[in-house]
Amino acid sequence: MKQTAKKLFCLVLAAVMVFALGVTAFAATVDNAKHYDTYAFIGDSIAAGHSLPEYVSAAGIGDDILVKDSYAQIVSDAVTADRTICLSMSGLNTAALRYLLQDDYEMDAVTQMLIPMLTNGAYDASTYADMREEYRTAIADTDLLTIGVGSNDLMYTTMISLFKLVGAYPSNYTENQILALLEQQIEKCGSVSKLFEQLVSTLVSLDKAAQMLEEMAKSLMDTYSAFKENWDAIIQEVYALNPDVQIVVVGLYNPMRDMKLTHDGSLSLGHIADPVIAQYNLYTSTLSPYARQYAFARCWDAEVYECFALEDALAFSQDFFATITQCVHPTVAGHRYMAEQILSVLLTEQEMSFFDVPKGAWFYDGVYYAWANGLMNGVTEHLFVPVEIASRAQIATVLYRMAGSPDVSGQTEPFADVADSFWAHDAVVWAYNEGVVNGMGDNLFAPLAPVSRAQFVTMLYRYAGAPDVTGQSAPFIDAADAHWAHDAIVWAYSTGAVNGVTAHTFVPAGAVTRAQIAVILARYQGADA
């Protein structure tokens, strides 16, 4: 008993850590969330909107399958997605999702048996080949992906643990024999729901309610290792399909937290599962090796429908399982809360997503200015690479954008290494014709050659119209009057756009990085940087 209490105490501490570590600095709302072209949501019946007033059973997967007032619908509207893809289905657990994404993974027997029964045959082994292609294509094409799975891992384990506790089979049965018998019992009862109702009723009548909950909590922890393995495999496959996708993990809540033994009782038995579910959340939010790459939305306080009392199981009313099914799902307010939690960890419309540009970095304001004004993009969606040496093509492109990307139709340039299909072709044509840049000799532009500090300020100086610097000076001993870039360096220093490397040296031959480019542009434009 002491050992069990100690474990539960540790898990409660883990739950506290989840809440503390789940707070982020981002604060998007339905009014200011960043736009995503495509949004896809993976989940079970919770994500699909089960029990909401306008829910349509077994709606399927595909484009624009959204239930009004579901968190997916609210998020889709908030990010103004041009396309929304439903990848959610009742009964989906981590084993089934992993099977859809990973070729060499064998789905476990319990999942293979239960999903077709829970979906009335809508999803079974014969549909998985087509579903695999749909899931993988959608994930590869999406910009924003929410993943909310894990609840059914717990539910499947609960079913097995109740079946064991009732003692419905001899103790020497193998796992395959147990599953075969379980399948027979489900068919005999007519559905998974009816068997669940019968198991709960039997245990309550035998005065085993407390034992039932304790056994359930124990069995849930027994599945923790499988959950972790499945989870990491899922995330790995998602990033392999789409390295730049923004993932938001939808945290689990305890749907049975308000369950009581009797209607007039004060003891809420459902809270015994709190530490277990918190441990699952702790792994996905913090302990998984991928946790730093995605965002985690804490949904612990999602409002659900009024929970049943275990004494109801004795009545065998036709509505008993319908009550159970409803009470484990969020209300309209619960979905709205979950959507708010998801949006709160997303970027606002004007917030950068670069992992390598932390707030407080000396170049943060400069990069923000260049990014927000469309002058510079990231190397990928989430990487700016501030230390990368800028190339001649990049500088030409930045200045071209700063000029408003004017039409260059009819203009030409003499460079043999700048083809019409080159990504910076128009920028190079513009820069050459405006006198901002020259070639490197022999009709070559050398677009990928690194840019020195002297070369960059010269390009910017020419862009500004090569103003007269008579009477102005700079304190740099390595940029004397005879230096080819003297006027440009004096001008750039006088305007405050650039500083020296030291008080008396400019280091004109030194390379210039993407971060330095961004900061200089911000200073030149008069922005605070």
Protein backbone atom coordinates (compact mmCIF):
# COMPACT_ATOMS: atom_id res chain seq x y z
CA MET A 1 0.00 0.00 0.00
CA LYS A 2 2.82 2.40 0.89
CA GLN A 3 4.54 1.56 -2.39
CA THR A 4 1.39 2.38 -4.34
CA ALA A 5 0.93 5.65 -2.45
CA LYS A 6 4.52 6.60 -3.15
CA LYS A 7 4.08 5.97 -6.88
CA LEU A 8 0.90 7.99 -7.01
CA PHE A 9 2.58 10.86 -5.16
CA CYS A 10 5.42 10.87 -7.70
CA LEU A 11 2.96 10.90 -10.54
CA VAL A 12 1.05 13.82 -9.03
CA LEU A 13 4.33 15.72 -8.89
CA ALA A 14 4.79 14.84 -12.54
CA ALA A 15 1.38 16.32 -13.28
CA VAL A 16 2.41 19.57 -11.59
CA MET A 17 5.52 19.63 -13.78
CA VAL A 18 3.38 19.26 -16.88
CA PHE A 19 1.38 22.31 -15.96
CA ALA A 20 4.45 24.36 -15.08
CA LEU A 21 6.44 23.40 -18.16
CA GLY A 22 3.50 23.69 -20.52
CA VAL A 23 3.39 27.50 -20.36
CA THR A 24 4.75 29.21 -23.48
CA ALA A 25 5.56 32.76 -24.46
CA PHE A 26 3.27 32.68 -27.49
CA ALA A 27 -0.24 34.06 -27.24
CA ALA A 28 -2.19 33.77 -30.45
CA THR A 29 -5.97 34.07 -30.22
CA VAL A 30 -8.89 33.67 -32.59
CA ASP A 31 -8.32 37.30 -33.55
CA ASN A 32 -4.57 37.39 -34.24
CA ALA A 33 -3.43 33.85 -35.07
CA LYS A 34 -0.94 33.43 -37.87
CA HIS A 35 -2.40 32.28 -41.20
CA TYR A 36 -1.74 28.71 -42.32
CA ASP A 37 -2.62 27.65 -45.85
CA THR A 38 -3.45 24.08 -44.86
CA TYR A 39 -4.52 22.71 -41.48
CA ALA A 40 -4.88 18.98 -40.75
CA PHE A 41 -6.06 17.44 -37.50
CA ILE A 42 -5.37 13.90 -36.32
CA GLY A 43 -7.31 12.48 -33.43
CA ASP A 44 -10.08 10.24 -32.20
CA SER A 45 -13.75 11.00 -31.61
CA ILE A 46 -12.83 14.03 -29.47
CA ALA A 47 -11.18 15.79 -32.42
CA ALA A 48 -14.01 14.65 -34.69
CA GLY A 49 -16.52 16.49 -32.48
CA HIS A 50 -18.40 13.51 -31.05
CA SER A 51 -21.37 14.44 -28.80
CA LEU A 52 -21.60 17.99 -30.13
CA PRO A 53 -25.10 18.98 -31.27
CA GLU A 54 -24.25 18.82 -34.99
CA TYR A 55 -21.99 15.75 -34.90
CA VAL A 56 -22.62 13.26 -37.71
CA SER A 57 -21.54 9.72 -36.86
CA ALA A 58 -18.76 8.15 -38.95
CA ALA A 59 -18.32 11.25 -41.09
CA GLY A 60 -15.07 9.85 -42.44
CA ILE A 61 -11.76 11.49 -43.24
CA GLY A 62 -10.93 14.03 -45.91
CA ASP A 63 -11.24 17.72 -46.80
CA ASP A 64 -13.50 20.13 -44.95
CA ILE A 65 -15.13 17.55 -42.65
CA LEU A 66 -15.68 19.84 -39.69
CA VAL A 67 -18.29 19.67 -36.95
CA LYS A 68 -19.63 23.05 -35.88
CA ASP A 69 -18.18 24.21 -32.54
CA SER A 70 -15.47 21.51 -32.50
CA TYR A 71 -11.98 22.67 -31.60
CA ALA A 72 -10.82 21.77 -35.10
CA GLN A 73 -13.43 24.04 -36.65
CA ILE A 74 -12.53 26.92 -34.32
CA VAL A 75 -8.78 26.53 -35.00
CA SER A 76 -9.39 26.27 -38.75
CA ASP A 77 -11.34 29.53 -38.73
CA ALA A 78 -8.79 31.28 -36.51
CA VAL A 79 -5.82 30.47 -38.77
CA THR A 80 -7.96 31.24 -41.86
CA ALA A 81 -6.91 27.96 -43.45
CA ASP A 82 -7.56 27.72 -47.17
CA ARG A 83 -7.84 23.96 -46.78
CA THR A 84 -8.66 21.83 -43.72
CA ILE A 85 -8.16 18.06 -43.67
CA CYS A 86 -9.84 15.74 -41.16
CA LEU A 87 -7.64 12.76 -40.24
CA SER A 88 -9.65 11.83 -37.17
CA MET A 89 -11.75 8.75 -36.53
CA SER A 90 -13.45 7.11 -33.58
CA GLY A 91 -11.26 4.59 -31.82
CA LEU A 92 -7.95 5.89 -33.17
CA ASN A 93 -5.09 5.13 -30.80
CA THR A 94 -1.31 5.42 -31.10
CA ALA A 95 -0.93 1.85 -32.36
CA ALA A 96 -3.34 2.41 -35.27
CA LEU A 97 -1.82 5.80 -36.13
CA ARG A 98 1.69 4.38 -36.06
CA TYR A 99 0.53 1.57 -38.37
CA LEU A 100 -0.81 4.14 -40.84
CA LEU A 101 2.52 5.98 -40.91
CA GLN A 102 5.19 3.30 -40.49
CA ASP A 103 5.53 0.51 -43.06
CA ASP A 104 7.35 -2.02 -40.89
CA TYR A 105 5.08 -1.76 -37.83
CA GLU A 106 2.60 -4.54 -37.01
CA MET A 107 -0.59 -3.30 -35.36
CA ASP A 108 -1.35 -5.04 -32.06
CA ALA A 109 -4.20 -7.55 -31.92
CA VAL A 110 -6.37 -5.53 -29.53
CA THR A 111 -6.39 -2.50 -31.84
CA GLN A 112 -7.03 -4.69 -34.89
CA MET A 113 -10.06 -6.14 -33.16
CA LEU A 114 -11.57 -3.08 -31.51
CA ILE A 115 -11.38 -0.33 -34.16
CA PRO A 116 -13.75 -2.06 -36.64
CA MET A 117 -16.17 -2.76 -33.79
CA LEU A 118 -16.05 0.79 -32.46
CA THR A 119 -16.62 2.25 -35.93
CA ASN A 120 -19.29 -0.25 -37.03
CA GLY A 121 -16.95 -1.62 -39.66
CA ALA A 122 -16.16 1.77 -41.18
CA TYR A 123 -12.43 1.18 -40.62
CA ASP A 124 -10.76 -2.20 -40.82
CA ALA A 125 -7.73 -3.88 -42.34
CA SER A 126 -9.16 -3.63 -45.86
CA THR A 127 -9.27 0.17 -45.69
CA TYR A 128 -5.78 0.76 -44.30
CA ALA A 129 -3.93 0.77 -47.64
CA ASP A 130 -5.99 3.67 -48.94
CA MET A 131 -5.94 5.40 -45.57
CA ARG A 132 -2.16 5.21 -45.39
CA GLU A 133 -1.85 7.11 -48.64
CA GLU A 134 -4.43 9.70 -47.49
CA TYR A 135 -2.72 10.27 -44.15
CA ARG A 136 0.78 10.52 -45.58
CA THR A 137 -0.20 12.79 -48.45
CA ALA A 138 -2.15 15.09 -46.13
CA ILE A 139 0.70 15.30 -43.61
CA ALA A 140 3.24 16.04 -46.35
CA ASP A 141 1.05 18.86 -47.68
CA THR A 142 -0.06 20.54 -44.45
CA ASP A 143 1.40 23.60 -42.74
CA LEU A 144 -0.28 23.11 -39.35
CA LEU A 145 -1.01 19.73 -37.76
CA THR A 146 -2.74 19.05 -34.44
CA ILE A 147 -2.35 15.56 -32.96
CA GLY A 148 -4.66 14.39 -30.19
CA VAL A 149 -4.28 10.68 -29.52
CA GLY A 150 -3.81 8.61 -26.37
CA SER A 151 -7.29 8.50 -24.87
CA ASN A 152 -8.11 5.27 -26.67
CA ASP A 153 -4.85 3.70 -25.57
CA LEU A 154 -6.26 4.12 -22.09
CA MET A 155 -9.76 2.95 -23.07
CA TYR A 156 -8.54 -0.26 -24.73
CA THR A 157 -6.44 -1.09 -21.71
CA THR A 158 -9.43 -0.40 -19.46
CA MET A 159 -11.56 -2.87 -21.42
CA ILE A 160 -8.98 -5.62 -21.07
CA SER A 161 -8.44 -4.93 -17.37
CA LEU A 162 -12.19 -5.09 -16.64
CA PHE A 163 -12.44 -8.32 -18.59
CA LYS A 164 -9.64 -9.79 -16.49
CA LEU A 165 -11.10 -8.55 -13.22
CA VAL A 166 -14.46 -10.17 -13.89
CA GLY A 167 -12.58 -13.46 -14.23
CA ALA A 168 -14.18 -14.28 -17.56
CA TYR A 169 -11.50 -16.82 -18.55
CA PRO A 170 -9.18 -19.39 -16.94
CA SER A 171 -5.94 -18.05 -15.48
CA ASN A 172 -3.79 -20.15 -17.81
CA TYR A 173 -5.20 -18.64 -21.01
CA THR A 174 -2.71 -17.19 -23.49
CA GLU A 175 -3.09 -13.64 -24.80
CA ASN A 176 -4.51 -14.90 -28.09
CA GLN A 177 -7.06 -17.05 -26.26
CA ILE A 178 -8.08 -14.08 -24.10
CA LEU A 179 -8.56 -11.88 -27.17
CA ALA A 180 -10.54 -14.57 -28.97
CA LEU A 181 -12.82 -14.94 -25.97
CA LEU A 182 -13.17 -11.18 -25.65
CA GLU A 183 -14.16 -10.94 -29.30
CA GLN A 184 -16.77 -13.67 -28.77
CA GLN A 185 -18.21 -11.81 -25.80
CA ILE A 186 -18.41 -8.55 -27.76
CA GLU A 187 -20.26 -10.32 -30.56
CA LYS A 188 -22.57 -11.99 -28.03
CA CYS A 189 -23.40 -8.63 -26.41
CA GLY A 190 -23.83 -6.99 -29.79
CA SER A 191 -21.26 -4.22 -29.37
CA VAL A 192 -18.21 -3.08 -27.43
CA SER A 193 -20.43 -0.64 -25.56
CA LYS A 194 -22.80 -3.34 -24.33
CA LEU A 195 -19.93 -5.54 -23.14
CA PHE A 196 -18.41 -2.58 -21.32
CA GLU A 197 -21.75 -1.88 -19.67
CA GLN A 198 -22.07 -5.52 -18.63
CA LEU A 199 -18.54 -5.64 -17.19
CA VAL A 200 -19.04 -2.48 -15.15
CA SER A 201 -22.43 -3.68 -13.91
CA THR A 202 -21.02 -7.04 -12.87
CA LEU A 203 -18.14 -5.49 -10.95
CA VAL A 204 -20.42 -3.00 -9.17
CA SER A 205 -22.84 -5.77 -8.20
CA LEU A 206 -19.90 -7.74 -6.78
CA ASP A 207 -18.94 -4.69 -4.72
CA LYS A 208 -15.67 -4.42 -6.64
CA ALA A 209 -15.96 -0.78 -7.73
CA ALA A 210 -12.89 0.39 -5.80
CA GLN A 211 -10.90 -2.66 -6.89
CA MET A 212 -11.97 -2.02 -10.46
CA LEU A 213 -10.61 1.54 -10.44
CA GLU A 214 -7.36 0.53 -8.77
CA GLU A 215 -6.83 -2.25 -11.31
CA MET A 216 -7.62 0.12 -14.14
CA ALA A 217 -5.02 2.64 -12.91
CA LYS A 218 -2.41 -0.11 -12.64
CA SER A 219 -3.11 -1.47 -16.11
CA LEU A 220 -2.95 2.04 -17.59
CA MET A 221 0.57 2.46 -16.30
CA ASP A 222 1.46 -0.95 -17.72
CA THR A 223 0.76 0.42 -21.21
CA TYR A 224 2.94 3.49 -20.68
CA SER A 225 6.02 1.96 -22.34
CA ALA A 226 4.07 1.01 -25.46
CA PHE A 227 2.54 4.48 -25.60
CA LYS A 228 5.97 6.16 -25.45
CA GLU A 229 7.39 3.92 -28.16
CA ASN A 230 4.40 4.52 -30.44
CA TRP A 231 4.41 8.25 -29.80
CA ASP A 232 8.04 8.79 -30.73
CA ALA A 233 7.66 6.65 -33.85
CA ILE A 234 4.63 8.70 -34.93
CA ILE A 235 6.39 12.04 -34.51
CA GLN A 236 9.49 10.74 -36.28
CA GLU A 237 7.39 9.65 -39.26
CA VAL A 238 5.52 12.97 -39.38
CA TYR A 239 8.75 14.97 -39.51
CA ALA A 240 10.16 12.59 -42.14
CA LEU A 241 7.12 13.36 -44.31
CA ASN A 242 7.17 17.10 -43.59
CA PRO A 243 10.21 18.56 -41.77
CA ASP A 244 8.72 22.08 -41.69
CA VAL A 245 5.24 21.29 -40.39
CA GLN A 246 4.07 23.12 -37.26
CA ILE A 247 2.80 20.45 -34.85
CA VAL A 248 0.59 21.15 -31.86
CA VAL A 249 0.05 18.22 -29.52
CA VAL A 250 -3.40 18.27 -27.92
CA GLY A 251 -2.92 17.20 -24.31
CA LEU A 252 -5.14 14.62 -22.63
CA TYR A 253 -7.73 15.34 -19.95
CA ASN A 254 -9.42 12.95 -17.50
CA PRO A 255 -12.95 12.42 -18.81
CA MET A 256 -13.98 10.42 -15.74
CA ARG A 257 -12.72 12.88 -13.15
CA ASP A 258 -16.22 13.53 -11.76
CA MET A 259 -17.38 9.90 -11.73
CA LYS A 260 -18.93 8.83 -8.41
CA LEU A 261 -20.08 5.55 -6.94
CA THR A 262 -23.56 6.91 -6.16
CA HIS A 263 -25.40 10.04 -7.23
CA ASP A 264 -25.53 11.42 -3.69
CA GLY A 265 -21.98 10.43 -2.77
CA SER A 266 -19.26 12.98 -2.27
CA LEU A 267 -16.27 10.83 -3.28
CA SER A 268 -15.16 11.40 -6.88
CA LEU A 269 -13.65 8.05 -7.81
CA GLY A 270 -12.59 9.16 -11.25
CA HIS A 271 -9.67 11.21 -9.96
CA ILE A 272 -7.72 8.02 -9.34
CA ALA A 273 -6.77 8.18 -13.02
CA ASP A 274 -5.39 11.74 -12.76
CA PRO A 275 -1.76 10.76 -12.07
CA VAL A 276 -1.74 8.22 -14.89
CA ILE A 277 -3.08 10.63 -17.50
CA ALA A 278 -0.73 13.32 -16.20
CA GLN A 279 2.18 10.96 -16.80
CA TYR A 280 1.14 10.53 -20.42
CA ASN A 281 0.98 14.32 -20.76
CA LEU A 282 4.35 14.70 -19.10
CA TYR A 283 5.94 12.45 -21.69
CA THR A 284 4.46 14.16 -24.73
CA SER A 285 5.04 17.68 -23.39
CA THR A 286 8.51 17.28 -21.89
CA LEU A 287 10.18 13.87 -21.85
CA SER A 288 9.86 12.82 -25.48
CA PRO A 289 13.05 13.52 -27.48
CA TYR A 290 10.86 15.45 -29.93
CA ALA A 291 9.14 17.62 -27.31
CA ARG A 292 11.29 20.68 -28.09
CA GLN A 293 10.33 20.58 -31.76
CA TYR A 294 6.56 20.84 -31.39
CA ALA A 295 4.14 22.83 -29.24
CA PHE A 296 2.03 21.29 -26.48
CA ALA A 297 -1.48 22.52 -25.67
CA ARG A 298 -2.53 21.77 -22.09
CA CYS A 299 -6.21 20.77 -22.20
CA TRP A 300 -6.53 19.32 -18.70
CA ASP A 301 -9.47 21.52 -17.71
CA ALA A 302 -11.65 20.84 -20.76
CA GLU A 303 -15.31 20.82 -19.75
CA VAL A 304 -17.08 17.51 -20.40
CA TYR A 305 -20.70 16.48 -20.07
CA GLU A 306 -22.07 15.45 -16.68
CA CYS A 307 -20.57 12.14 -15.64
CA PHE A 308 -22.56 9.06 -14.64
CA ALA A 309 -22.57 7.30 -11.27
CA LEU A 310 -21.49 3.67 -11.14
CA GLU A 311 -24.79 2.71 -9.57
CA ASP A 312 -26.39 3.47 -12.95
CA ALA A 313 -24.65 0.41 -14.33
CA LEU A 314 -26.93 -1.80 -12.23
CA ALA A 315 -30.01 -0.46 -13.98
CA PHE A 316 -29.02 -1.79 -17.41
CA SER A 317 -30.89 1.10 -19.00
CA GLN A 318 -30.65 1.38 -22.75
CA ASP A 319 -29.17 4.82 -22.38
CA PHE A 320 -26.36 3.84 -20.00
CA PHE A 321 -23.56 3.54 -22.53
CA ALA A 322 -24.88 6.49 -24.49
CA THR A 323 -24.44 8.44 -21.24
CA ILE A 324 -20.91 7.11 -20.83
CA THR A 325 -20.06 7.94 -24.45
CA GLN A 326 -21.33 11.48 -24.09
CA CYS A 327 -19.74 12.24 -20.74
CA VAL A 328 -16.20 11.47 -21.90
CA HIS A 329 -16.41 14.08 -24.68
CA PRO A 330 -16.06 17.87 -24.39
CA THR A 331 -19.06 20.17 -24.37
CA VAL A 332 -19.24 23.18 -26.70
CA ALA A 333 -17.47 25.18 -23.98
CA GLY A 334 -14.91 22.37 -23.63
CA HIS A 335 -14.08 22.48 -27.35
CA ARG A 336 -13.81 26.27 -27.25
CA TYR A 337 -11.38 25.97 -24.32
CA MET A 338 -9.30 23.37 -26.18
CA ALA A 339 -9.17 25.59 -29.27
CA GLU A 340 -8.00 28.51 -27.12
CA GLN A 341 -5.27 26.32 -25.62
CA ILE A 342 -4.11 25.25 -29.08
CA LEU A 343 -4.08 28.81 -30.37
CA SER A 344 -2.23 30.03 -27.28
CA VAL A 345 0.86 28.02 -28.26
CA LEU A 346 0.76 29.11 -31.89
CA LEU A 347 2.36 32.20 -33.31
CA THR A 348 0.56 35.46 -33.70
CA GLU A 349 0.35 36.87 -37.18
CA GLN A 350 3.42 39.03 -36.51
CA GLU A 351 5.57 36.63 -34.51
CA MET A 352 8.61 34.93 -36.00
CA SER A 353 8.91 31.15 -35.94
CA PHE A 354 12.72 30.97 -36.11
CA PHE A 355 14.14 28.70 -33.42
CA ASP A 356 17.61 30.22 -33.87
CA VAL A 357 16.52 33.84 -33.31
CA PRO A 358 15.76 33.97 -29.57
CA LYS A 359 14.32 37.05 -27.97
CA GLY A 360 17.13 38.97 -26.32
CA ALA A 361 19.68 38.13 -29.03
CA TRP A 362 21.58 41.19 -30.27
CA PHE A 363 20.21 40.63 -33.78
CA TYR A 364 16.58 39.83 -32.83
CA ASP A 365 15.08 43.27 -33.60
CA GLY A 366 16.99 43.52 -36.86
CA VAL A 367 15.88 40.10 -38.04
CA TYR A 368 12.31 40.86 -36.99
CA TYR A 369 12.36 44.08 -39.01
CA ALA A 370 13.76 42.41 -42.12
CA TRP A 371 11.30 39.50 -41.80
CA ALA A 372 8.19 41.56 -40.98
CA ASN A 373 8.87 43.89 -43.91
CA GLY A 374 9.40 41.04 -46.35
CA LEU A 375 13.07 41.82 -46.96
CA MET A 376 14.48 38.51 -45.71
CA ASN A 377 12.99 35.06 -45.23
CA GLY A 378 14.23 32.09 -43.28
CA VAL A 379 16.36 29.38 -44.81
CA THR A 380 13.50 27.08 -43.70
CA GLU A 381 10.22 27.93 -41.97
CA HIS A 382 11.82 27.59 -38.55
CA LEU A 383 15.48 28.46 -39.19
CA PHE A 384 16.90 31.87 -40.09
CA VAL A 385 20.57 30.79 -39.78
CA PRO A 386 21.86 34.17 -38.57
CA VAL A 387 25.55 33.15 -38.73
CA GLU A 388 25.47 32.16 -42.41
CA ILE A 389 27.68 34.33 -44.65
CA ALA A 390 25.53 36.32 -47.07
CA SER A 391 26.03 35.84 -50.81
CA ARG A 392 25.99 38.40 -53.62
CA ALA A 393 22.68 37.03 -54.92
CA GLN A 394 21.12 37.33 -51.46
CA ILE A 395 22.20 40.95 -51.08
CA ALA A 396 20.88 41.81 -54.53
CA THR A 397 17.58 40.18 -53.63
CA VAL A 398 17.26 42.04 -50.31
CA LEU A 399 17.89 45.42 -51.96
CA TYR A 400 15.54 44.54 -54.82
CA ARG A 401 12.78 43.78 -52.29
CA MET A 402 13.56 46.99 -50.45
CA ALA A 403 13.01 48.84 -53.75
CA GLY A 404 9.59 47.23 -54.07
CA SER A 405 10.56 44.43 -56.49
CA PRO A 406 10.06 46.54 -59.63
CA ASP A 407 9.29 45.00 -63.01
CA VAL A 408 12.45 44.25 -65.02
CA SER A 409 10.75 43.30 -68.29
CA GLY A 410 12.92 44.33 -71.24
CA GLN A 411 16.04 44.79 -69.10
CA THR A 412 19.09 42.55 -69.51
CA GLU A 413 22.40 41.77 -67.84
CA PRO A 414 25.63 40.38 -69.31
CA PHE A 415 26.30 37.63 -66.78
CA ALA A 416 26.84 34.10 -68.06
CA ASP A 417 26.29 32.60 -64.59
CA VAL A 418 22.82 34.13 -64.04
CA ALA A 419 20.33 32.11 -66.09
CA ASP A 420 16.74 33.20 -66.62
CA SER A 421 15.64 30.39 -64.29
CA PHE A 422 18.00 31.43 -61.48
CA TRP A 423 16.03 32.24 -58.30
CA ALA A 424 17.64 35.73 -58.02
CA HIS A 425 17.56 36.54 -61.76
CA ASP A 426 15.21 39.53 -61.57
CA ALA A 427 17.04 40.94 -58.55
CA VAL A 428 20.41 40.71 -60.33
CA VAL A 429 18.98 42.32 -63.49
CA TRP A 430 17.53 45.17 -61.43
CA ALA A 431 20.70 45.66 -59.34
CA TYR A 432 22.92 45.73 -62.43
CA ASN A 433 20.74 48.18 -64.34
CA GLU A 434 20.40 50.45 -61.30
CA GLY A 435 24.18 50.49 -60.83
CA VAL A 436 23.90 48.88 -57.38
CA VAL A 437 26.21 45.99 -58.23
CA ASN A 438 28.81 45.25 -60.88
CA GLY A 439 30.11 41.98 -62.19
CA MET A 440 33.27 40.19 -61.11
CA GLY A 441 34.91 40.30 -64.58
CA ASP A 442 34.70 38.00 -67.62
CA ASN A 443 30.92 38.48 -67.76
CA LEU A 444 30.46 36.74 -64.41
CA PHE A 445 28.38 37.87 -61.47
CA ALA A 446 29.47 35.12 -59.02
CA PRO A 447 26.02 35.01 -57.36
CA LEU A 448 27.04 32.59 -54.62
CA ALA A 449 30.29 34.34 -53.71
CA PRO A 450 30.40 35.65 -50.11
CA VAL A 451 30.01 39.37 -49.51
CA SER A 452 32.53 41.38 -47.52
CA ARG A 453 31.63 44.26 -45.21
CA ALA A 454 33.07 46.76 -47.68
CA GLN A 455 31.16 45.25 -50.59
CA PHE A 456 27.86 45.31 -48.72
CA VAL A 457 28.08 48.94 -47.58
CA THR A 458 29.09 49.86 -51.15
CA MET A 459 25.96 48.20 -52.54
CA LEU A 460 23.81 49.95 -49.93
CA TYR A 461 25.60 53.25 -50.64
CA ARG A 462 24.85 52.94 -54.35
CA TYR A 463 21.25 51.96 -53.55
CA ALA A 464 20.96 55.20 -51.55
CA GLY A 465 22.15 57.16 -54.58
CA ALA A 466 25.85 57.49 -53.66
CA PRO A 467 25.40 60.72 -51.65
CA ASP A 468 28.24 63.20 -51.32
CA VAL A 469 30.35 62.60 -48.17
CA THR A 470 32.48 65.75 -48.40
CA GLY A 471 33.32 66.93 -44.90
CA GLN A 472 32.35 63.64 -43.30
CA SER A 473 34.80 61.16 -41.86
CA ALA A 474 35.09 57.83 -40.13
CA PRO A 475 37.62 56.81 -37.43
CA PHE A 476 38.82 53.63 -39.16
CA ILE A 477 42.53 53.27 -39.85
CA ASP A 478 41.87 50.40 -42.29
CA ALA A 479 39.51 52.48 -44.48
CA ALA A 480 41.74 55.40 -45.42
CA ASP A 481 41.01 57.89 -48.20
CA ALA A 482 42.73 55.63 -50.73
CA HIS A 483 40.55 52.59 -49.95
CA TRP A 484 38.23 51.74 -52.85
CA ALA A 485 35.19 51.68 -50.51
CA HIS A 486 36.17 54.78 -48.50
CA ASP A 487 33.15 56.94 -49.41
CA ALA A 488 30.67 54.11 -48.84
CA ILE A 489 32.17 53.29 -45.44
CA VAL A 490 32.17 56.96 -44.36
CA TRP A 491 28.55 57.33 -45.47
CA ALA A 492 27.40 54.14 -43.74
CA TYR A 493 29.15 55.11 -40.51
CA SER A 494 27.79 58.67 -40.62
CA THR A 495 24.20 57.46 -41.04
CA GLY A 496 24.55 55.05 -38.12
CA ALA A 497 23.89 52.04 -40.32
CA VAL A 498 27.20 50.36 -39.44
CA ASN A 499 29.76 50.43 -36.66
CA GLY A 500 33.35 49.36 -36.63
CA VAL A 501 34.54 45.99 -35.41
CA THR A 502 36.59 48.02 -32.93
CA ALA A 503 36.69 51.74 -32.25
CA HIS A 504 39.30 52.27 -34.97
CA THR A 505 38.98 49.33 -37.36
CA PHE A 506 36.23 48.56 -39.86
CA VAL A 507 37.68 45.26 -41.18
CA PRO A 508 36.44 45.90 -44.74
CA ALA A 509 37.46 42.45 -46.00
CA GLY A 510 35.56 40.66 -43.23
CA ALA A 511 32.56 38.58 -44.26
CA VAL A 512 29.06 39.82 -43.45
CA THR A 513 26.45 37.45 -41.98
CA ARG A 514 22.70 37.27 -42.48
CA ALA A 515 22.19 38.63 -38.95
CA GLN A 516 24.46 41.61 -39.68
CA ILE A 517 22.63 42.29 -42.94
CA ALA A 518 19.29 42.37 -41.11
CA VAL A 519 20.57 44.70 -38.38
CA ILE A 520 22.21 47.10 -40.86
CA LEU A 521 19.03 47.26 -42.96
CA ALA A 522 16.96 48.01 -39.87
CA ARG A 523 19.33 50.79 -38.84
CA TYR A 524 19.40 52.18 -42.35
CA GLN A 525 15.62 52.31 -42.47
CA GLY A 526 15.53 54.04 -39.11
CA ALA A 527 14.04 51.10 -37.21
CA ASP A 528 14.86 50.46 -33.56
CA ALA A 529 17.46 47.71 -33.58
